[in-house]
Amino acid sequence: MASKASARLDRLYARIGRKIPVSAGFLAWARRPSARLVRIPVGLLLVLGGVLSILPILGLWMLPLGLMLLAIDFPPLQTPVAWAIIKGQRWWELRQRRKRYQAANAKPRRGSSPGQA
């Protein structure tokens, strides 16, 4: 039986797959038990690449992706990774809401309307 944190992580991965359809296939493959032999080394390499993000090709984006992969196999990581995913999704939704609000309530600048000279 899956733990509560594991079930939450599965739901969050499914939600990410729905919101970002391009990632759905990868997430489905990564969660399969047979992918464990590939998932752990790839997760470790991504975390290492994220730590070395000051180098040109490597980036900070690698760290959360590696932790997400490792959390599938290491239960102590499941709760913090699920918490980070939830916080990240809330931040993104708030950011999008603010952008929509600002776009809807944008006032024209002085002198920018066609009727003024």
Protein backbone atom coordinates (compact mmCIF):
# COMPACT_ATOMS: atom_id res chain seq x y z
CA MET A 1 0.00 0.00 0.00
CA ALA A 2 1.28 3.44 -0.89
CA SER A 3 1.93 5.94 1.85
CA LYS A 4 0.00 9.17 2.14
CA ALA A 5 2.97 11.18 0.82
CA SER A 6 3.42 8.78 -2.11
CA ALA A 7 -0.26 9.04 -3.03
CA ARG A 8 -0.07 12.86 -2.85
CA LEU A 9 3.01 12.86 -5.08
CA ASP A 10 1.21 10.62 -7.60
CA ARG A 11 -1.73 13.03 -7.67
CA LEU A 12 0.59 16.00 -8.16
CA TYR A 13 2.45 14.28 -11.00
CA ALA A 14 -0.91 13.48 -12.63
CA ARG A 15 -1.94 17.13 -12.27
CA ILE A 16 1.31 18.30 -13.85
CA GLY A 17 0.70 15.86 -16.70
CA ARG A 18 -2.77 17.34 -17.25
CA LYS A 19 -1.61 20.96 -17.13
CA ILE A 20 1.50 20.34 -19.24
CA PRO A 21 0.50 17.62 -21.69
CA VAL A 22 4.01 17.42 -23.19
CA SER A 23 5.31 16.11 -19.85
CA ALA A 24 2.59 13.48 -19.38
CA GLY A 25 4.38 10.75 -21.32
CA PHE A 26 7.67 11.31 -19.50
CA LEU A 27 5.98 11.35 -16.10
CA ALA A 28 4.08 8.15 -16.87
CA TRP A 29 7.30 6.44 -17.94
CA ALA A 30 9.26 7.77 -14.96
CA ARG A 31 6.72 6.49 -12.44
CA ARG A 32 6.80 2.92 -13.75
CA PRO A 33 8.62 0.55 -11.38
CA SER A 34 10.70 -0.84 -14.26
CA ALA A 35 12.21 2.63 -14.86
CA ARG A 36 13.92 2.64 -11.47
CA LEU A 37 17.32 1.59 -12.83
CA VAL A 38 17.33 4.63 -15.11
CA ARG A 39 15.42 7.02 -12.85
CA ILE A 40 17.86 7.02 -9.91
CA PRO A 41 21.07 7.72 -11.89
CA VAL A 42 19.32 10.35 -14.03
CA GLY A 43 17.91 11.99 -10.87
CA LEU A 44 21.35 12.04 -9.25
CA LEU A 45 22.94 13.52 -12.38
CA LEU A 46 20.25 16.20 -12.58
CA VAL A 47 20.76 17.14 -8.91
CA LEU A 48 24.53 17.29 -9.44
CA GLY A 49 24.03 19.42 -12.56
CA GLY A 50 21.72 21.73 -10.62
CA VAL A 51 24.32 22.15 -7.89
CA LEU A 52 26.90 23.03 -10.57
CA SER A 53 24.54 25.53 -12.19
CA ILE A 54 27.22 28.22 -12.48
CA LEU A 55 28.69 26.30 -15.43
CA PRO A 56 27.41 27.36 -18.88
CA ILE A 57 25.24 24.42 -20.02
CA LEU A 58 24.01 23.28 -16.62
CA GLY A 59 21.18 25.18 -15.02
CA LEU A 60 19.27 25.54 -11.80
CA TRP A 61 16.23 23.95 -13.50
CA MET A 62 17.98 20.57 -13.15
CA LEU A 63 17.82 20.52 -9.35
CA PRO A 64 14.02 20.37 -8.87
CA LEU A 65 13.63 17.95 -11.76
CA GLY A 66 16.24 15.62 -10.24
CA LEU A 67 14.60 15.84 -6.81
CA MET A 68 11.23 15.02 -8.37
CA LEU A 69 12.70 11.88 -9.95
CA LEU A 70 14.47 10.82 -6.75
CA ALA A 71 11.34 11.39 -4.63
CA ILE A 72 9.61 8.53 -6.44
CA ASP A 73 12.08 6.05 -4.89
CA PHE A 74 13.10 7.74 -1.62
CA PRO A 75 10.18 8.24 0.80
CA PRO A 76 11.97 10.91 2.94
CA LEU A 77 11.98 13.20 -0.12
CA GLN A 78 8.31 12.72 -0.97
CA THR A 79 6.83 15.15 1.55
CA PRO A 80 9.25 18.05 0.87
CA VAL A 81 9.00 17.59 -2.90
CA ALA A 82 5.19 17.48 -2.76
CA TRP A 83 5.22 20.64 -0.61
CA ALA A 84 7.54 22.38 -3.11
CA ILE A 85 5.34 21.37 -6.06
CA ILE A 86 2.23 22.71 -4.31
CA LYS A 87 3.96 25.99 -3.41
CA GLY A 88 5.31 26.33 -6.95
CA GLN A 89 1.89 25.76 -8.47
CA ARG A 90 0.28 28.31 -6.14
CA TRP A 91 3.00 30.85 -6.96
CA TRP A 92 2.54 30.27 -10.71
CA GLU A 93 -1.26 30.61 -10.51
CA LEU A 94 -0.97 33.82 -8.47
CA ARG A 95 1.54 35.21 -10.97
CA GLN A 96 -0.76 34.42 -13.89
CA ARG A 97 -3.73 35.96 -12.09
CA ARG A 98 -1.77 39.17 -11.43
CA LYS A 99 -0.68 39.38 -15.07
CA ARG A 100 -4.29 38.98 -16.26
CA TYR A 101 -5.46 41.63 -13.78
CA GLN A 102 -2.77 44.08 -14.83
CA ALA A 103 -3.53 43.51 -18.52
CA ALA A 104 -7.26 44.04 -17.97
CA ASN A 105 -6.76 47.20 -15.92
CA ALA A 106 -3.92 48.75 -17.88
CA LYS A 107 -4.42 52.46 -18.36
CA PRO A 108 -3.14 54.13 -21.51
CA ARG A 109 -0.08 56.31 -20.97
CA ARG A 110 -0.20 60.04 -21.56
CA GLY A 111 0.38 61.02 -25.12
CA SER A 112 0.04 57.46 -26.37
CA SER A 113 -3.54 57.69 -27.53
CA PRO A 114 -4.04 58.40 -31.23
CA GLY A 115 -6.21 61.48 -30.65
CA GLN A 116 -3.56 63.47 -28.80
CA ALA A 117 -0.79 65.40 -30.47
